[in-house]
Amino acid sequence: MKVDAARFLRDLHELRNFGASGVGKGVVRPAFSDADVAARRWLAGRFAEAGLRVEVDAMGNVFGLADAPSLLMGSHSDSQPEGGWLDGALGVIAALEVARAAREAGGPAVSVVSFQDEEGRFGGLTGSSVWSGYTPLPEVDGIADHGGLTLRDARQALGDLVTGDVNPAQFTGFIELHIEQGLTLAAAGEQIGVVDAIVGVRQIPITLTGQQNHAGTTQMHLRRDAFQGLSRFNTTLNDRLRNVVTPTTVWTIGQVDLHPNASSIVPGRVTFSMQWRDGDADRLRRMERIVRDCAEEVAGDMGLGVEFGPMWELEPTAMDTRLRTALEAGAETVAPGKWRRMHSGALHDATNVARLMPAAMLFVPSIGGISHAFEEDTDEEDLVAGLRVLAEAVARL
C-alpha cells in the first residue's frame, strides 16, 4: 500500500476553497452553511470516485463505505466561524487517501467519514454524538444557534444529500488524524503525537442577577452590579482551584451575555459559560463543586441571584491499546525519535466513537500552537508524515 502525497495535498487544498476567508489559509465553513454543504457534496463525489459507497445520515455525517468489515477513519469538515484550513479537514482527506491507497493495493478495507458540527454550532461534537447514540436527534433538533436557527431547520440545507442511517457494527475500529492545536510538538521539535487519552469536559451556563440601575446616580456601595459579580467570581474561582488542579487542567469563562449592555446602566444580569477540562473524572467532579460553591458564595455576598443551567459533560476517554500500538509503530518508522505519547486537551469525535468501537488518535504539529483562527497552519512535510503514519498503522492492523 503506497499513499500518494501529492494527491493528498491537492485534495486538502481543494477542500480549503469551500468557504475560503480570503485571509491566509483561513476558512469560514460553519456546519450547515452553504460552504459546508457544498464541501460535503464535493467530499461525497471524492468518496465515490475512490470506489467507496456514499451514505449521508440525517445529521449530515458523510460516509464513504468499503466492504464490511472495515476500519473507519476520518474527522470533520465543518469549521469554527473563523477557522483554519486543517482543523478536521486534515483527518478526512488523509483517511480518503489511505482508503484509496488500500483499494489500489487490494486491501485492507478502509471506510471514511466526515462528521457534522464537530465545532458545536448546535452543541458540541453534534454529528458523532447523535451517530454514537449518546444524544438522540429529537433531543438536539430544538437547539438553536446564536442567531436563533434550530438544528431541525438547519438540517434542511442538506436536501437530497441524505440517504439513510449507517450501522456502526460494520466497523472494526476508528482512527482520527488531527492537528495538535497546541504547542507541545512544535516546541519539542517533534513530528508526531500518538494520543493516549482525550480529556473530559464539563460546561455549565451560569446567570447572576442584580438590579439594573442608573450608572450616574447609583452610589457604588448601593449597587447590585451583575458584572462585578462575574468579576469577583472569576477571581475567587482562580484562588479556590489553585490546590486542586494540575498543570494540564484548564478552565474558561467564555460566552458572556451582559444585560442590558449599555454604557450608562448598571448591569442587571449576566449569563456566561463556565467550562473546565481535565483527564481525571474525580477532579472534574471536585471542580464542579467548587464552581457551584463560588458562584453561590459571591451571589450571597453581593446580593445577587444565581441560576445554573443544564451541564454538558463528556468523560475522559482512553484510546484503544491495539490501535495505539499500531500508530506508535508507524510513528517510529516514519519519524524515528521524533514522536511522543500525549493527551489531547481538545475534544474530538473520537470521544463519541469510542462508545461504539476501539478508537485511537494521531497528532501532527500546529505552527505556533495556533488553531481556531485564520493563521492555523502546519508544515506540509508534517502533514505528509501524519498521512504516512496512518498508512503504516493500517498495514500493521
Protein backbone atom coordinates (compact mmCIF):
# COMPACT_ATOMS: atom_id res chain seq x y z
CA MET A 1 0.00 0.00 0.00
CA LYS A 2 1.52 3.31 -1.11
CA VAL A 3 -0.06 6.69 -0.42
CA ASP A 4 0.19 9.48 -2.98
CA ALA A 5 1.37 12.57 -1.07
CA ALA A 6 0.80 14.95 -3.98
CA ARG A 7 -2.77 13.72 -4.49
CA PHE A 8 -3.43 14.06 -0.77
CA LEU A 9 -2.16 17.66 -0.66
CA ARG A 10 -4.13 18.62 -3.79
CA ASP A 11 -7.35 17.42 -2.23
CA LEU A 12 -6.57 19.11 1.06
CA HIS A 13 -6.00 22.45 -0.67
CA GLU A 14 -9.11 22.00 -2.83
CA LEU A 15 -11.29 21.44 0.23
CA ARG A 16 -9.91 24.73 1.61
CA ASN A 17 -11.58 26.57 -1.29
CA PHE A 18 -15.01 25.90 0.21
CA GLY A 19 -15.54 28.89 2.46
CA ALA A 20 -12.07 30.37 1.89
CA SER A 21 -11.84 33.50 4.04
CA GLY A 22 -9.51 35.49 1.80
CA VAL A 23 -7.18 35.87 4.79
CA GLY A 24 -4.24 33.49 4.59
CA LYS A 25 -5.44 29.90 4.54
CA GLY A 26 -8.43 30.56 6.79
CA VAL A 27 -11.90 29.17 6.15
CA VAL A 28 -15.43 30.13 7.16
CA ARG A 29 -17.38 26.88 6.91
CA PRO A 30 -19.73 26.51 9.89
CA ALA A 31 -21.98 23.45 9.99
CA PHE A 32 -24.90 23.56 7.51
CA SER A 33 -23.72 26.80 5.90
CA ASP A 34 -23.71 26.95 2.10
CA ALA A 35 -19.95 26.39 2.11
CA ASP A 36 -20.26 23.40 4.43
CA VAL A 37 -22.99 21.71 2.37
CA ALA A 38 -21.05 22.35 -0.85
CA ALA A 39 -17.95 20.81 0.75
CA ARG A 40 -19.97 17.76 1.77
CA ARG A 41 -21.23 17.32 -1.78
CA TRP A 42 -17.65 17.57 -3.02
CA LEU A 43 -16.48 15.01 -0.46
CA ALA A 44 -19.29 12.66 -1.45
CA GLY A 45 -18.06 12.89 -5.03
CA ARG A 46 -14.46 12.21 -4.00
CA PHE A 47 -15.53 9.22 -1.92
CA ALA A 48 -17.46 7.80 -4.88
CA GLU A 49 -14.51 8.34 -7.25
CA ALA A 50 -12.39 6.33 -4.80
CA GLY A 51 -14.75 3.38 -5.18
CA LEU A 52 -16.47 3.88 -1.83
CA ARG A 53 -20.25 3.67 -1.36
CA VAL A 54 -21.55 7.07 -0.24
CA GLU A 55 -24.08 7.33 2.57
CA VAL A 56 -25.22 10.50 4.36
CA ASP A 57 -27.31 10.25 7.52
CA ALA A 58 -29.91 12.70 8.76
CA MET A 59 -27.31 14.69 10.71
CA GLY A 60 -25.21 15.23 7.59
CA ASN A 61 -22.41 12.84 8.54
CA VAL A 62 -20.88 11.81 5.19
CA PHE A 63 -19.56 8.24 4.90
CA GLY A 64 -17.54 6.59 2.16
CA LEU A 65 -18.00 2.88 2.83
CA ALA A 66 -15.76 -0.02 1.88
CA ASP A 67 -16.97 -3.59 2.04
CA ALA A 68 -17.67 -4.65 5.62
CA PRO A 69 -15.98 -5.28 7.92
CA SER A 70 -13.70 -2.27 7.60
CA LEU A 71 -11.63 0.17 9.63
CA LEU A 72 -13.28 3.60 9.86
CA MET A 73 -11.10 6.70 9.61
CA GLY A 74 -11.83 10.41 9.36
CA SER A 75 -12.74 13.53 11.32
CA HIS A 76 -14.95 16.53 10.46
CA SER A 77 -15.06 19.18 7.74
CA ASP A 78 -17.09 21.98 9.36
CA SER A 79 -15.16 24.90 10.79
CA GLN A 80 -15.35 27.50 13.52
CA PRO A 81 -16.97 30.82 12.47
CA GLU A 82 -13.38 31.98 11.85
CA GLY A 83 -11.45 28.75 11.40
CA GLY A 84 -8.34 27.20 9.98
CA TRP A 85 -7.96 25.03 6.91
CA LEU A 86 -6.71 21.90 8.72
CA ASP A 87 -8.92 21.54 11.80
CA GLY A 88 -10.88 18.38 10.97
CA ALA A 89 -10.26 18.60 7.24
CA LEU A 90 -6.82 17.02 7.58
CA GLY A 91 -8.26 13.87 9.13
CA VAL A 92 -10.93 13.49 6.46
CA ILE A 93 -8.61 13.91 3.48
CA ALA A 94 -5.86 11.75 4.99
CA ALA A 95 -8.43 9.00 5.59
CA LEU A 96 -9.58 9.31 1.98
CA GLU A 97 -6.03 8.95 0.68
CA VAL A 98 -5.35 5.88 2.84
CA ALA A 99 -8.65 4.36 1.69
CA ARG A 100 -7.69 4.96 -1.96
CA ALA A 101 -4.23 3.53 -1.46
CA ALA A 102 -5.68 0.48 0.28
CA ARG A 103 -8.12 -0.17 -2.56
CA GLU A 104 -5.37 0.23 -5.14
CA ALA A 105 -3.29 -2.32 -3.23
CA GLY A 106 -6.16 -4.78 -2.94
CA GLY A 107 -6.84 -4.21 0.78
CA PRO A 108 -7.32 -3.85 3.66
CA ALA A 109 -10.84 -2.36 3.72
CA VAL A 110 -10.89 1.26 4.92
CA SER A 111 -14.01 3.45 5.21
CA VAL A 112 -14.05 7.24 5.59
CA VAL A 113 -16.27 9.69 7.47
CA SER A 114 -16.69 13.44 7.76
CA PHE A 115 -18.74 14.07 10.87
CA GLN A 116 -21.03 17.11 11.02
CA ASP A 117 -20.99 20.01 13.50
CA GLU A 118 -17.98 18.90 15.48
CA GLU A 119 -17.31 22.57 16.18
CA GLY A 120 -20.55 22.94 18.12
CA ARG A 121 -22.80 25.36 16.29
CA PHE A 122 -25.64 23.31 17.80
CA GLY A 123 -23.94 21.86 20.87
CA GLY A 124 -20.62 20.05 20.71
CA LEU A 125 -19.36 17.12 18.61
CA THR A 126 -23.00 17.01 17.50
CA GLY A 127 -22.80 14.70 14.48
CA SER A 128 -20.75 12.00 16.18
CA SER A 129 -22.80 12.38 19.39
CA VAL A 130 -26.01 11.59 17.51
CA TRP A 131 -24.42 8.80 15.45
CA SER A 132 -22.97 7.15 18.54
CA GLY A 133 -26.37 7.19 20.24
CA TYR A 134 -25.14 9.41 23.06
CA THR A 135 -27.60 12.17 22.10
CA PRO A 136 -30.95 11.39 20.41
CA LEU A 137 -31.56 13.52 17.32
CA PRO A 138 -35.02 14.69 18.51
CA GLU A 139 -33.36 15.96 21.69
CA VAL A 140 -30.89 18.22 19.86
CA ASP A 141 -33.16 19.20 16.97
CA GLY A 142 -34.62 22.02 19.05
CA ILE A 143 -31.23 23.53 19.92
CA ALA A 144 -30.77 26.96 18.32
CA ASP A 145 -27.56 28.67 17.26
CA HIS A 146 -26.70 32.22 18.31
CA GLY A 147 -28.88 33.57 15.52
CA GLY A 148 -31.94 31.61 16.64
CA LEU A 149 -31.84 28.97 13.87
CA THR A 150 -32.68 25.50 15.18
CA LEU A 151 -30.80 22.38 14.18
CA ARG A 152 -34.03 20.96 12.77
CA ASP A 153 -34.31 23.89 10.35
CA ALA A 154 -30.58 23.95 9.59
CA ARG A 155 -30.66 20.31 8.53
CA GLN A 156 -33.00 21.20 5.68
CA ALA A 157 -29.97 22.59 3.86
CA LEU A 158 -28.78 19.01 3.28
CA GLY A 159 -31.59 18.45 0.78
CA ASP A 160 -31.13 15.34 -1.34
CA LEU A 161 -27.75 14.54 0.19
CA VAL A 162 -29.36 12.42 2.90
CA THR A 163 -29.55 8.70 2.08
CA GLY A 164 -30.14 7.00 5.44
CA ASP A 165 -28.59 5.62 8.60
CA VAL A 166 -25.15 3.97 8.74
CA ASN A 167 -24.76 0.95 11.02
CA PRO A 168 -21.66 1.21 13.26
CA ALA A 169 -21.49 -2.59 13.57
CA GLN A 170 -19.73 -2.85 10.20
CA PHE A 171 -16.59 -1.12 11.52
CA THR A 172 -13.75 -2.77 13.41
CA GLY A 173 -12.31 0.44 14.87
CA PHE A 174 -11.80 4.16 14.33
CA ILE A 175 -8.65 6.27 13.84
CA GLU A 176 -8.63 10.07 13.65
CA LEU A 177 -5.69 12.17 12.46
CA HIS A 178 -5.79 15.79 13.65
CA ILE A 179 -3.58 18.81 14.12
CA GLU A 180 -2.46 19.15 17.73
CA GLN A 181 -3.93 22.67 18.20
CA GLY A 182 -1.28 23.30 20.84
CA LEU A 183 2.47 23.90 21.23
CA THR A 184 3.72 20.61 22.68
CA LEU A 185 5.01 19.02 19.46
CA ALA A 186 6.21 22.22 17.83
CA ALA A 187 8.11 23.34 20.97
CA ALA A 188 9.84 19.97 21.21
CA GLY A 189 10.70 19.81 17.50
CA GLU A 190 8.71 16.59 17.18
CA GLN A 191 6.64 15.47 14.22
CA ILE A 192 4.04 13.04 15.56
CA GLY A 193 1.93 12.70 18.69
CA VAL A 194 0.17 9.43 19.49
CA VAL A 195 -2.78 10.20 21.75
CA ASP A 196 -3.21 8.01 24.82
CA ALA A 197 -6.34 9.75 26.16
CA ILE A 198 -8.73 12.62 25.45
CA VAL A 199 -9.59 14.79 28.43
CA GLY A 200 -13.08 15.08 29.87
CA VAL A 201 -15.05 18.31 29.85
CA ARG A 202 -17.82 19.97 31.84
CA GLN A 203 -19.66 23.11 30.75
CA ILE A 204 -22.47 24.91 32.51
CA PRO A 205 -24.23 28.25 31.90
CA ILE A 206 -24.42 30.48 34.98
CA THR A 207 -26.63 33.55 35.40
CA LEU A 208 -26.06 36.23 38.04
CA THR A 209 -28.95 38.64 38.53
CA GLY A 210 -28.64 42.02 40.29
CA GLN A 211 -30.50 45.28 39.92
CA GLN A 212 -30.37 47.30 36.72
CA ASN A 213 -29.96 50.98 37.62
CA HIS A 214 -28.70 54.40 36.59
CA ALA A 215 -24.89 54.49 36.24
CA GLY A 216 -24.60 58.14 37.26
CA THR A 217 -26.83 58.28 40.32
CA THR A 218 -26.43 54.87 41.94
CA GLN A 219 -23.66 55.04 44.52
CA MET A 220 -21.11 52.27 44.44
CA HIS A 221 -21.95 50.81 47.85
CA LEU A 222 -25.63 50.57 46.87
CA ARG A 223 -25.11 48.73 43.61
CA ARG A 224 -26.07 45.15 42.87
CA ASP A 225 -23.93 45.00 39.74
CA ALA A 226 -24.11 41.67 37.90
CA PHE A 227 -20.86 42.25 36.03
CA GLN A 228 -18.97 42.99 39.24
CA GLY A 229 -20.34 39.66 40.44
CA LEU A 230 -18.82 37.92 37.42
CA SER A 231 -15.50 39.67 38.04
CA ARG A 232 -15.41 38.57 41.68
CA PHE A 233 -16.49 35.03 40.74
CA ASN A 234 -13.56 34.78 38.33
CA THR A 235 -11.04 35.94 40.95
CA THR A 236 -12.48 33.72 43.67
CA LEU A 237 -12.59 30.67 41.42
CA ASN A 238 -8.96 31.01 40.35
CA ASP A 239 -7.93 31.17 44.00
CA ARG A 240 -10.05 28.19 45.10
CA LEU A 241 -8.87 25.94 42.27
CA ARG A 242 -5.17 26.54 42.94
CA ASN A 243 -4.69 23.50 45.18
CA VAL A 244 -6.97 21.18 43.22
CA VAL A 245 -5.78 21.42 39.63
CA THR A 246 -2.70 20.16 37.77
CA PRO A 247 -0.57 21.97 35.16
CA THR A 248 -2.70 20.39 32.41
CA THR A 249 -6.08 21.33 33.93
CA VAL A 250 -7.80 24.22 32.15
CA TRP A 251 -10.93 26.29 32.81
CA THR A 252 -12.54 29.07 30.82
CA ILE A 253 -15.25 31.68 31.21
CA GLY A 254 -16.39 32.01 27.61
CA GLN A 255 -19.61 33.32 26.14
CA VAL A 256 -20.76 36.35 28.14
CA ASP A 257 -24.16 37.97 27.68
CA LEU A 258 -24.40 41.21 29.67
CA HIS A 259 -27.79 42.86 30.05
CA PRO A 260 -28.66 45.49 29.06
CA ASN A 261 -25.07 46.07 27.90
CA ALA A 262 -25.28 49.86 27.85
CA SER A 263 -22.63 52.35 28.90
CA SER A 264 -24.82 54.33 31.34
CA ILE A 265 -26.66 51.45 33.00
CA VAL A 266 -25.51 49.34 35.93
CA PRO A 267 -25.76 45.78 34.52
CA GLY A 268 -28.68 43.89 35.98
CA ARG A 269 -27.91 40.44 34.60
CA VAL A 270 -25.01 38.48 33.20
CA THR A 271 -25.07 34.96 31.76
CA PHE A 272 -21.79 33.23 30.98
CA SER A 273 -20.45 29.81 30.11
CA MET A 274 -18.16 28.11 32.61
CA GLN A 275 -16.08 25.27 31.15
CA TRP A 276 -13.36 23.08 32.65
CA ARG A 277 -11.31 20.17 31.29
CA ASP A 278 -9.12 17.51 32.87
CA GLY A 279 -8.10 13.92 32.30
CA ASP A 280 -9.32 12.75 35.72
CA ALA A 281 -13.06 12.23 36.26
CA ASP A 282 -12.82 12.69 40.02
CA ARG A 283 -11.03 16.03 39.63
CA LEU A 284 -13.74 17.17 37.22
CA ARG A 285 -16.37 16.42 39.88
CA ARG A 286 -14.40 18.27 42.57
CA MET A 287 -14.08 21.27 40.27
CA GLU A 288 -17.83 21.26 39.67
CA ARG A 289 -18.47 21.56 43.39
CA ILE A 290 -16.02 24.46 43.64
CA VAL A 291 -17.59 26.24 40.65
CA ARG A 292 -21.07 25.99 42.15
CA ASP A 293 -19.93 26.94 45.66
CA CYS A 294 -18.03 30.00 44.41
CA ALA A 295 -21.00 31.26 42.40
CA GLU A 296 -23.37 30.84 45.34
CA GLU A 297 -20.94 32.47 47.76
CA VAL A 298 -20.35 35.51 45.52
CA ALA A 299 -24.07 35.88 44.87
CA GLY A 300 -24.79 35.78 48.61
CA ASP A 301 -22.10 38.32 49.47
CA MET A 302 -23.19 40.77 46.75
CA GLY A 303 -26.95 40.44 46.99
CA LEU A 304 -27.26 38.73 43.60
CA GLY A 305 -29.40 35.89 42.41
CA VAL A 306 -27.70 32.86 40.84
CA GLU A 307 -29.04 30.20 38.46
CA PHE A 308 -27.29 27.21 36.90
CA GLY A 309 -28.34 25.84 33.54
CA PRO A 310 -28.02 22.22 32.39
CA MET A 311 -24.47 20.87 32.40
CA TRP A 312 -22.90 19.42 29.25
CA GLU A 313 -20.35 16.73 30.04
CA LEU A 314 -18.04 14.23 28.39
CA GLU A 315 -15.94 11.79 30.36
CA PRO A 316 -12.17 11.35 29.84
CA THR A 317 -11.61 8.76 27.11
CA ALA A 318 -8.67 6.35 26.93
CA MET A 319 -7.53 5.30 23.47
CA ASP A 320 -7.54 1.64 22.45
CA THR A 321 -4.24 -0.12 23.19
CA ARG A 322 -4.12 -2.21 19.99
CA LEU A 323 -4.80 0.72 17.66
CA ARG A 324 -2.47 3.00 19.61
CA THR A 325 0.34 0.41 19.42
CA ALA A 326 -0.04 0.27 15.64
CA LEU A 327 0.18 4.07 15.45
CA GLU A 328 3.27 4.06 17.67
CA ALA A 329 4.97 1.52 15.41
CA GLY A 330 4.07 3.66 12.40
CA ALA A 331 5.40 6.77 14.12
CA GLU A 332 8.73 5.09 14.89
CA THR A 333 9.00 4.01 11.24
CA VAL A 334 8.15 7.41 9.74
CA ALA A 335 9.60 9.75 12.40
CA PRO A 336 12.09 7.76 14.50
CA GLY A 337 12.87 9.58 17.74
CA LYS A 338 10.58 12.48 16.78
CA TRP A 339 7.28 11.36 18.26
CA ARG A 340 5.67 11.10 21.69
CA ARG A 341 2.65 9.78 23.55
CA MET A 342 0.42 12.62 24.73
CA HIS A 343 -3.01 13.61 26.00
CA SER A 344 -5.45 15.58 23.89
CA GLY A 345 -6.66 18.71 25.66
CA ALA A 346 -9.10 19.39 22.81
CA LEU A 347 -12.28 17.41 22.29
CA HIS A 348 -12.63 15.26 19.18
CA ASP A 349 -15.18 13.00 17.53
CA ALA A 350 -13.11 10.01 18.67
CA THR A 351 -14.54 10.60 22.16
CA ASN A 352 -18.03 9.70 20.93
CA VAL A 353 -16.98 6.97 18.51
CA ALA A 354 -15.11 5.23 21.34
CA ARG A 355 -18.54 4.43 22.83
CA LEU A 356 -19.11 2.08 19.88
CA MET A 357 -15.74 0.62 18.94
CA PRO A 358 -11.99 0.77 19.65
CA ALA A 359 -10.69 4.27 18.83
CA ALA A 360 -7.32 5.99 18.55
CA MET A 361 -5.90 9.37 17.54
CA LEU A 362 -2.79 10.81 15.94
CA PHE A 363 -1.48 14.40 16.05
CA VAL A 364 0.80 16.47 13.83
CA PRO A 365 2.26 19.82 14.97
CA SER A 366 0.48 23.17 14.79
CA ILE A 367 2.76 26.06 13.86
CA GLY A 368 2.88 28.40 16.85
CA GLY A 369 0.24 26.26 18.56
CA ILE A 370 -2.44 28.33 16.78
CA SER A 371 -5.84 26.88 15.86
CA HIS A 372 -9.45 28.10 15.64
CA ALA A 373 -8.00 31.08 13.78
CA PHE A 374 -7.21 32.04 10.18
CA GLU A 375 -3.48 31.74 10.99
CA GLU A 376 -3.75 28.00 11.69
CA ASP A 377 -1.15 26.04 9.69
CA THR A 378 1.17 23.02 9.64
CA ASP A 379 4.24 22.36 7.51
CA GLU A 380 3.33 20.16 4.54
CA GLU A 381 6.20 17.84 5.45
CA ASP A 382 4.47 17.19 8.78
CA LEU A 383 1.09 16.72 7.10
CA VAL A 384 2.55 14.05 4.85
CA ALA A 385 4.31 12.42 7.81
CA GLY A 386 0.96 12.07 9.57
CA LEU A 387 -0.53 10.52 6.43
CA ARG A 388 2.28 8.00 6.22
CA VAL A 389 1.97 7.04 9.87
CA LEU A 390 -1.71 6.31 9.25
CA ALA A 391 -0.85 4.11 6.29
CA GLU A 392 1.82 2.27 8.28
CA ALA A 393 -0.66 1.65 11.11
CA VAL A 394 -3.35 0.36 8.75
CA ALA A 395 -0.86 -2.03 7.15
CA ARG A 396 0.00 -3.41 10.58
CA LEU A 397 -3.65 -3.75 11.58
